Amino acid sequence: DKALKKELWQDGWTMYYPGGVDDPEYTVLM
């Protein structure tokens, strides 16, 4: 769910996921 991934996103995470919330390496586990 892109909306949930966006809701959880933290700005400082760009150091791990340079492409931001749409970075293909950004995975959220629930």
PDB file of all heavy atoms in Angstrom:
ATOM      1  N   ASP A   1       0.842  -1.195   0.000  1.00  0.00           N
ATOM      2  CA  ASP A   1       0.000   0.000   0.000  1.00  0.00           C
ATOM      3  C   ASP A   1       0.878   1.245   0.000  1.00  0.00           C
ATOM      4  O   ASP A   1       1.533   1.565   0.993  1.00  0.00           O
ATOM      5  CB  ASP A   1      -0.901  -0.041   1.230  1.00  0.00           C
ATOM      6  CG  ASP A   1      -1.844   1.147   1.340  1.00  0.00           C
ATOM      7  OD1 ASP A   1      -1.583   2.195   0.719  1.00  0.00           O
ATOM      8  OD2 ASP A   1      -2.841   1.020   2.064  1.00  0.00           O
ATOM      9  N   LYS A   2       0.899   1.964  -1.124  1.00  0.00           N
ATOM     10  CA  LYS A   2       1.754   3.158  -1.252  1.00  0.00           C
ATOM     11  C   LYS A   2       1.389   4.240  -0.240  1.00  0.00           C
ATOM     12  O   LYS A   2       2.270   4.929   0.271  1.00  0.00           O
ATOM     13  CB  LYS A   2       1.691   3.720  -2.677  1.00  0.00           C
ATOM     14  CG  LYS A   2       2.496   2.942  -3.658  1.00  0.00           C
ATOM     15  CD  LYS A   2       2.590   3.703  -4.970  1.00  0.00           C
ATOM     16  CE  LYS A   2       3.795   3.182  -5.721  1.00  0.00           C
ATOM     17  NZ  LYS A   2       4.364   4.157  -6.612  1.00  0.00           N
ATOM     18  N   ALA A   3       0.112   4.387   0.057  1.00  0.00           N
ATOM     19  CA  ALA A   3      -0.310   5.418   1.012  1.00  0.00           C
ATOM     20  C   ALA A   3       0.245   5.111   2.400  1.00  0.00           C
ATOM     21  O   ALA A   3       0.720   6.016   3.100  1.00  0.00           O
ATOM     22  CB  ALA A   3      -1.829   5.516   1.054  1.00  0.00           C
ATOM     23  N   LEU A   4       0.225   3.849   2.816  1.00  0.00           N
ATOM     24  CA  LEU A   4       0.766   3.478   4.117  1.00  0.00           C
ATOM     25  C   LEU A   4       2.280   3.642   4.145  1.00  0.00           C
ATOM     26  O   LEU A   4       2.835   4.154   5.108  1.00  0.00           O
ATOM     27  CB  LEU A   4       0.368   2.040   4.474  1.00  0.00           C
ATOM     28  CG  LEU A   4       0.874   1.525   5.818  1.00  0.00           C
ATOM     29  CD1 LEU A   4       0.453   2.436   6.973  1.00  0.00           C
ATOM     30  CD2 LEU A   4       0.372   0.096   6.057  1.00  0.00           C
ATOM     31  N   LYS A   5       2.952   3.249   3.073  1.00  0.00           N
ATOM     32  CA  LYS A   5       4.406   3.421   3.004  1.00  0.00           C
ATOM     33  C   LYS A   5       4.771   4.904   3.108  1.00  0.00           C
ATOM     34  O   LYS A   5       5.726   5.269   3.789  1.00  0.00           O
ATOM     35  CB  LYS A   5       4.958   2.817   1.710  1.00  0.00           C
ATOM     36  CG  LYS A   5       4.919   1.292   1.688  1.00  0.00           C
ATOM     37  CD  LYS A   5       5.373   0.727   0.368  1.00  0.00           C
ATOM     38  CE  LYS A   5       6.866   0.855   0.221  1.00  0.00           C
ATOM     39  NZ  LYS A   5       7.387   0.108  -0.941  1.00  0.00           N
ATOM     40  N   LYS A   6       3.982   5.746   2.460  1.00  0.00           N
ATOM     41  CA  LYS A   6       4.213   7.195   2.522  1.00  0.00           C
ATOM     42  C   LYS A   6       3.947   7.730   3.925  1.00  0.00           C
ATOM     43  O   LYS A   6       4.682   8.567   4.436  1.00  0.00           O
ATOM     44  CB  LYS A   6       3.340   7.912   1.487  1.00  0.00           C
ATOM     45  CG  LYS A   6       3.641   9.376   1.357  1.00  0.00           C
ATOM     46  CD  LYS A   6       2.853  10.012   0.223  1.00  0.00           C
ATOM     47  CE  LYS A   6       3.244  11.470   0.086  1.00  0.00           C
ATOM     48  NZ  LYS A   6       2.548  12.124  -1.021  1.00  0.00           N
ATOM     49  N   GLU A   7       2.896   7.231   4.569  1.00  0.00           N
ATOM     50  CA  GLU A   7       2.549   7.657   5.927  1.00  0.00           C
ATOM     51  C   GLU A   7       3.677   7.325   6.919  1.00  0.00           C
ATOM     52  O   GLU A   7       3.957   8.087   7.833  1.00  0.00           O
ATOM     53  CB  GLU A   7       1.267   6.959   6.361  1.00  0.00           C
ATOM     54  CG  GLU A   7       0.804   7.282   7.758  1.00  0.00           C
ATOM     55  CD  GLU A   7      -0.428   6.490   8.157  1.00  0.00           C
ATOM     56  OE1 GLU A   7      -1.174   6.022   7.276  1.00  0.00           O
ATOM     57  OE2 GLU A   7      -0.643   6.345   9.370  1.00  0.00           O
ATOM     58  N   LEU A   8       4.324   6.195   6.729  1.00  0.00           N
ATOM     59  CA  LEU A   8       5.392   5.756   7.629  1.00  0.00           C
ATOM     60  C   LEU A   8       6.743   6.385   7.311  1.00  0.00           C
ATOM     61  O   LEU A   8       7.653   6.363   8.140  1.00  0.00           O
ATOM     62  CB  LEU A   8       5.515   4.227   7.571  1.00  0.00           C
ATOM     63  CG  LEU A   8       4.287   3.462   8.056  1.00  0.00           C
ATOM     64  CD1 LEU A   8       4.424   1.986   7.719  1.00  0.00           C
ATOM     65  CD2 LEU A   8       4.071   3.664   9.541  1.00  0.00           C
ATOM     66  N   TRP A   9       6.904   6.934   6.129  1.00  0.00           N
ATOM     67  CA  TRP A   9       8.183   7.466   5.658  1.00  0.00           C
ATOM     68  C   TRP A   9       8.735   8.550   6.582  1.00  0.00           C
ATOM     69  O   TRP A   9       8.006   9.421   7.053  1.00  0.00           O
ATOM     70  CB  TRP A   9       8.039   8.021   4.242  1.00  0.00           C
ATOM     71  CG  TRP A   9       9.306   8.622   3.737  1.00  0.00           C
ATOM     72  CD1 TRP A   9       9.623   9.954   3.686  1.00  0.00           C
ATOM     73  CD2 TRP A   9      10.436   7.918   3.253  1.00  0.00           C
ATOM     74  NE1 TRP A   9      10.882  10.114   3.188  1.00  0.00           N
ATOM     75  CE2 TRP A   9      11.416   8.871   2.916  1.00  0.00           C
ATOM     76  CE3 TRP A   9      10.744   6.574   3.078  1.00  0.00           C
ATOM     77  CZ2 TRP A   9      12.662   8.527   2.403  1.00  0.00           C
ATOM     78  CZ3 TRP A   9      11.979   6.224   2.566  1.00  0.00           C
ATOM     79  CH2 TRP A   9      12.917   7.199   2.238  1.00  0.00           C
ATOM     80  N   GLN A  10      10.047   8.486   6.832  1.00  0.00           N
ATOM     81  CA  GLN A  10      10.760   9.502   7.614  1.00  0.00           C
ATOM     82  C   GLN A  10      11.797  10.159   6.707  1.00  0.00           C
ATOM     83  O   GLN A  10      12.538   9.463   6.005  1.00  0.00           O
ATOM     84  CB  GLN A  10      11.483   8.853   8.802  1.00  0.00           C
ATOM     85  CG  GLN A  10      10.570   8.091   9.742  1.00  0.00           C
ATOM     86  CD  GLN A  10       9.676   9.025  10.534  1.00  0.00           C
ATOM     87  OE1 GLN A  10      10.130  10.012  11.100  1.00  0.00           O
ATOM     88  NE2 GLN A  10       8.396   8.708  10.574  1.00  0.00           N
ATOM     89  N   ASP A  11      11.889  11.496   6.734  1.00  0.00           N
ATOM     90  CA  ASP A  11      12.795  12.215   5.838  1.00  0.00           C
ATOM     91  C   ASP A  11      14.246  11.753   5.944  1.00  0.00           C
ATOM     92  O   ASP A  11      14.951  11.694   4.953  1.00  0.00           O
ATOM     93  CB  ASP A  11      12.705  13.725   6.093  1.00  0.00           C
ATOM     94  CG  ASP A  11      11.384  14.308   5.624  1.00  0.00           C
ATOM     95  OD1 ASP A  11      10.759  13.719   4.706  1.00  0.00           O
ATOM     96  OD2 ASP A  11      10.977  15.338   6.171  1.00  0.00           O
ATOM     97  N   GLY A  12      14.700  11.407   7.136  1.00  0.00           N
ATOM     98  CA  GLY A  12      16.084  10.985   7.324  1.00  0.00           C
ATOM     99  C   GLY A  12      16.424   9.667   6.646  1.00  0.00           C
ATOM    100  O   GLY A  12      17.601   9.311   6.512  1.00  0.00           O
ATOM    101  N   TRP A  13      15.423   8.943   6.200  1.00  0.00           N
ATOM    102  CA  TRP A  13      15.673   7.648   5.573  1.00  0.00           C
ATOM    103  C   TRP A  13      16.256   7.757   4.175  1.00  0.00           C
ATOM    104  O   TRP A  13      16.640   6.752   3.582  1.00  0.00           O
ATOM    105  CB  TRP A  13      14.398   6.815   5.542  1.00  0.00           C
ATOM    106  CG  TRP A  13      13.953   6.360   6.898  1.00  0.00           C
ATOM    107  CD1 TRP A  13      14.642   6.449   8.076  1.00  0.00           C
ATOM    108  CD2 TRP A  13      12.714   5.745   7.220  1.00  0.00           C
ATOM    109  NE1 TRP A  13      13.908   5.933   9.107  1.00  0.00           N
ATOM    110  CE2 TRP A  13      12.718   5.489   8.617  1.00  0.00           C
ATOM    111  CE3 TRP A  13      11.601   5.389   6.479  1.00  0.00           C
ATOM    112  CZ2 TRP A  13      11.657   4.890   9.265  1.00  0.00           C
ATOM    113  CZ3 TRP A  13      10.537   4.794   7.132  1.00  0.00           C
ATOM    114  CH2 TRP A  13      10.572   4.547   8.502  1.00  0.00           C
ATOM    115  N   THR A  14      16.334   8.974   3.629  1.00  0.00           N
ATOM    116  CA  THR A  14      16.918   9.117   2.290  1.00  0.00           C
ATOM    117  C   THR A  14      18.389   8.683   2.275  1.00  0.00           C
ATOM    118  O   THR A  14      18.909   8.355   1.218  1.00  0.00           O
ATOM    119  CB  THR A  14      16.797  10.565   1.764  1.00  0.00           C
ATOM    120  OG1 THR A  14      17.372  11.457   2.718  1.00  0.00           O
ATOM    121  CG2 THR A  14      15.362  10.922   1.467  1.00  0.00           C
ATOM    122  N   MET A  15      19.029   8.636   3.438  1.00  0.00           N
ATOM    123  CA  MET A  15      20.413   8.137   3.475  1.00  0.00           C
ATOM    124  C   MET A  15      20.457   6.636   3.163  1.00  0.00           C
ATOM    125  O   MET A  15      21.462   6.128   2.696  1.00  0.00           O
ATOM    126  CB  MET A  15      21.080   8.445   4.816  1.00  0.00           C
ATOM    127  CG  MET A  15      20.493   7.699   6.000  1.00  0.00           C
ATOM    128  SD  MET A  15      21.149   8.202   7.618  1.00  0.00           S
ATOM    129  CE  MET A  15      22.857   7.822   7.473  1.00  0.00           C
ATOM    130  N   TYR A  16      19.361   5.919   3.423  1.00  0.00           N
ATOM    131  CA  TYR A  16      19.269   4.489   3.115  1.00  0.00           C
ATOM    132  C   TYR A  16      18.553   4.241   1.788  1.00  0.00           C
ATOM    133  O   TYR A  16      18.823   3.263   1.096  1.00  0.00           O
ATOM    134  CB  TYR A  16      18.506   3.747   4.217  1.00  0.00           C
ATOM    135  CG  TYR A  16      19.066   3.992   5.597  1.00  0.00           C
ATOM    136  CD1 TYR A  16      18.363   4.749   6.518  1.00  0.00           C
ATOM    137  CD2 TYR A  16      20.306   3.483   5.967  1.00  0.00           C
ATOM    138  CE1 TYR A  16      18.877   4.987   7.777  1.00  0.00           C
ATOM    139  CE2 TYR A  16      20.830   3.719   7.227  1.00  0.00           C
ATOM    140  CZ  TYR A  16      20.106   4.465   8.126  1.00  0.00           C
ATOM    141  OH  TYR A  16      20.618   4.712   9.379  1.00  0.00           O
ATOM    142  N   TYR A  17      17.584   5.103   1.498  1.00  0.00           N
ATOM    143  CA  TYR A  17      16.754   4.966   0.303  1.00  0.00           C
ATOM    144  C   TYR A  17      16.774   6.301  -0.444  1.00  0.00           C
ATOM    145  O   TYR A  17      15.862   7.121  -0.302  1.00  0.00           O
ATOM    146  CB  TYR A  17      15.318   4.589   0.686  1.00  0.00           C
ATOM    147  CG  TYR A  17      15.240   3.449   1.682  1.00  0.00           C
ATOM    148  CD1 TYR A  17      14.857   3.671   3.007  1.00  0.00           C
ATOM    149  CD2 TYR A  17      15.579   2.150   1.307  1.00  0.00           C
ATOM    150  CE1 TYR A  17      14.800   2.635   3.916  1.00  0.00           C
ATOM    151  CE2 TYR A  17      15.526   1.107   2.213  1.00  0.00           C
ATOM    152  CZ  TYR A  17      15.140   1.355   3.522  1.00  0.00           C
ATOM    153  OH  TYR A  17      15.091   0.327   4.427  1.00  0.00           O
ATOM    154  N   PRO A  18      17.831   6.556  -1.240  1.00  0.00           N
ATOM    155  CA  PRO A  18      17.985   7.857  -1.899  1.00  0.00           C
ATOM    156  C   PRO A  18      16.817   8.245  -2.803  1.00  0.00           C
ATOM    157  O   PRO A  18      16.570   9.422  -3.020  1.00  0.00           O
ATOM    158  CB  PRO A  18      19.264   7.707  -2.719  1.00  0.00           C
ATOM    159  CG  PRO A  18      19.966   6.513  -2.167  1.00  0.00           C
ATOM    160  CD  PRO A  18      18.930   5.651  -1.521  1.00  0.00           C
ATOM    161  N   GLY A  19      16.077   7.257  -3.280  1.00  0.00           N
ATOM    162  CA  GLY A  19      14.932   7.542  -4.142  1.00  0.00           C
ATOM    163  C   GLY A  19      13.679   7.899  -3.380  1.00  0.00           C
ATOM    164  O   GLY A  19      12.606   8.045  -3.974  1.00  0.00           O
ATOM    165  N   GLY A  20      13.805   8.036  -2.061  1.00  0.00           N
ATOM    166  CA  GLY A  20      12.663   8.407  -1.238  1.00  0.00           C
ATOM    167  C   GLY A  20      11.650   7.282  -1.119  1.00  0.00           C
ATOM    168  O   GLY A  20      11.976   6.102  -1.265  1.00  0.00           O
ATOM    169  N   VAL A  21      10.417   7.658  -0.890  1.00  0.00           N
ATOM    170  CA  VAL A  21       9.354   6.686  -0.646  1.00  0.00           C
ATOM    171  C   VAL A  21       9.144   5.759  -1.854  1.00  0.00           C
ATOM    172  O   VAL A  21       8.647   4.642  -1.696  1.00  0.00           O
ATOM    173  CB  VAL A  21       8.051   7.401  -0.229  1.00  0.00           C
ATOM    174  CG1 VAL A  21       7.423   8.118  -1.401  1.00  0.00           C
ATOM    175  CG2 VAL A  21       7.077   6.448   0.420  1.00  0.00           C
ATOM    176  N   ASP A  22       9.546   6.179  -3.040  1.00  0.00           N
ATOM    177  CA  ASP A  22       9.403   5.355  -4.240  1.00  0.00           C
ATOM    178  C   ASP A  22      10.650   4.544  -4.563  1.00  0.00           C
ATOM    179  O   ASP A  22      10.684   3.858  -5.589  1.00  0.00           O
ATOM    180  CB  ASP A  22       9.029   6.233  -5.435  1.00  0.00           C
ATOM    181  CG  ASP A  22       7.643   6.854  -5.278  1.00  0.00           C
ATOM    182  OD1 ASP A  22       6.723   6.139  -4.825  1.00  0.00           O
ATOM    183  OD2 ASP A  22       7.493   8.050  -5.587  1.00  0.00           O
ATOM    184  N   ASP A  23      11.670   4.618  -3.715  1.00  0.00           N
ATOM    185  CA  ASP A  23      12.900   3.856  -3.943  1.00  0.00           C
ATOM    186  C   ASP A  23      12.556   2.358  -3.963  1.00  0.00           C
ATOM    187  O   ASP A  23      11.884   1.863  -3.054  1.00  0.00           O
ATOM    188  CB  ASP A  23      13.898   4.148  -2.824  1.00  0.00           C
ATOM    189  CG  ASP A  23      15.289   3.639  -3.120  1.00  0.00           C
ATOM    190  OD1 ASP A  23      15.421   2.439  -3.443  1.00  0.00           O
ATOM    191  OD2 ASP A  23      16.243   4.425  -3.014  1.00  0.00           O
ATOM    192  N   PRO A  24      12.991   1.625  -4.975  1.00  0.00           N
ATOM    193  CA  PRO A  24      12.666   0.197  -5.043  1.00  0.00           C
ATOM    194  C   PRO A  24      13.255  -0.634  -3.900  1.00  0.00           C
ATOM    195  O   PRO A  24      12.792  -1.737  -3.633  1.00  0.00           O
ATOM    196  CB  PRO A  24      13.228  -0.246  -6.390  1.00  0.00           C
ATOM    197  CG  PRO A  24      14.142   0.826  -6.832  1.00  0.00           C
ATOM    198  CD  PRO A  24      13.747   2.084  -6.123  1.00  0.00           C
ATOM    199  N   GLU A  25      14.235  -0.100  -3.184  1.00  0.00           N
ATOM    200  CA  GLU A  25      14.818  -0.817  -2.053  1.00  0.00           C
ATOM    201  C   GLU A  25      14.049  -0.586  -0.747  1.00  0.00           C
ATOM    202  O   GLU A  25      14.291  -1.266   0.244  1.00  0.00           O
ATOM    203  CB  GLU A  25      16.279  -0.416  -1.844  1.00  0.00           C
ATOM    204  CG  GLU A  25      17.252  -1.163  -2.729  1.00  0.00           C
ATOM    205  CD  GLU A  25      17.260  -2.660  -2.452  1.00  0.00           C
ATOM    206  OE1 GLU A  25      17.538  -3.077  -1.310  1.00  0.00           O
ATOM    207  OE2 GLU A  25      16.979  -3.423  -3.390  1.00  0.00           O
ATOM    208  N   TYR A  26      13.136   0.375  -0.738  1.00  0.00           N
ATOM    209  CA  TYR A  26      12.359   0.690   0.462  1.00  0.00           C
ATOM    210  C   TYR A  26      11.213  -0.305   0.601  1.00  0.00           C
ATOM    211  O   TYR A  26      10.247  -0.280  -0.159  1.00  0.00           O
ATOM    212  CB  TYR A  26      11.826   2.120   0.376  1.00  0.00           C
ATOM    213  CG  TYR A  26      10.847   2.543   1.447  1.00  0.00           C
ATOM    214  CD1 TYR A  26      11.152   2.413   2.801  1.00  0.00           C
ATOM    215  CD2 TYR A  26       9.619   3.099   1.111  1.00  0.00           C
ATOM    216  CE1 TYR A  26      10.241   2.808   3.780  1.00  0.00           C
ATOM    217  CE2 TYR A  26       8.716   3.512   2.075  1.00  0.00           C
ATOM    218  CZ  TYR A  26       9.031   3.358   3.408  1.00  0.00           C
ATOM    219  OH  TYR A  26       8.138   3.758   4.376  1.00  0.00           O
ATOM    220  N   THR A  27      11.333  -1.189   1.568  1.00  0.00           N
ATOM    221  CA  THR A  27      10.296  -2.170   1.857  1.00  0.00           C
ATOM    222  C   THR A  27       9.811  -1.969   3.284  1.00  0.00           C
ATOM    223  O   THR A  27      10.616  -1.787   4.199  1.00  0.00           O
ATOM    224  CB  THR A  27      10.827  -3.607   1.673  1.00  0.00           C
ATOM    225  OG1 THR A  27      11.070  -3.819   0.287  1.00  0.00           O
ATOM    226  CG2 THR A  27       9.826  -4.643   2.152  1.00  0.00           C
ATOM    227  N   VAL A  28       8.507  -2.003   3.459  1.00  0.00           N
ATOM    228  CA  VAL A  28       7.898  -1.926   4.780  1.00  0.00           C
ATOM    229  C   VAL A  28       7.310  -3.294   5.100  1.00  0.00           C
ATOM    230  O   VAL A  28       6.625  -3.903   4.265  1.00  0.00           O
ATOM    231  CB  VAL A  28       6.796  -0.841   4.830  1.00  0.00           C
ATOM    232  CG1 VAL A  28       6.046  -0.880   6.159  1.00  0.00           C
ATOM    233  CG2 VAL A  28       7.401   0.536   4.610  1.00  0.00           C
ATOM    234  N   LEU A  29       7.612  -3.768   6.299  1.00  0.00           N
ATOM    235  CA  LEU A  29       7.087  -5.034   6.793  1.00  0.00           C
ATOM    236  C   LEU A  29       6.118  -4.747   7.935  1.00  0.00           C
ATOM    237  O   LEU A  29       6.402  -3.895   8.777  1.00  0.00           O
ATOM    238  CB  LEU A  29       8.223  -5.925   7.297  1.00  0.00           C
ATOM    239  CG  LEU A  29       9.329  -6.226   6.297  1.00  0.00           C
ATOM    240  CD1 LEU A  29      10.474  -6.965   6.993  1.00  0.00           C
ATOM    241  CD2 LEU A  29       8.801  -7.017   5.121  1.00  0.00           C
ATOM    242  N   MET A  30       4.995  -5.441   7.951  1.00  0.00           N
ATOM    243  CA  MET A  30       3.993  -5.254   9.001  1.00  0.00           C
ATOM    244  C   MET A  30       3.842  -6.566   9.772  1.00  0.00           C
ATOM    245  O   MET A  30       3.496  -7.597   9.203  1.00  0.00           O
ATOM    246  CB  MET A  30       2.652  -4.853   8.398  1.00  0.00           C
ATOM    247  CG  MET A  30       1.555  -4.656   9.426  1.00  0.00           C
ATOM    248  SD  MET A  30      -0.007  -4.083   8.699  1.00  0.00           S
ATOM    249  CE  MET A  30      -0.513  -5.520   7.762  1.00  0.00           C
TER     250      MET A  30
END
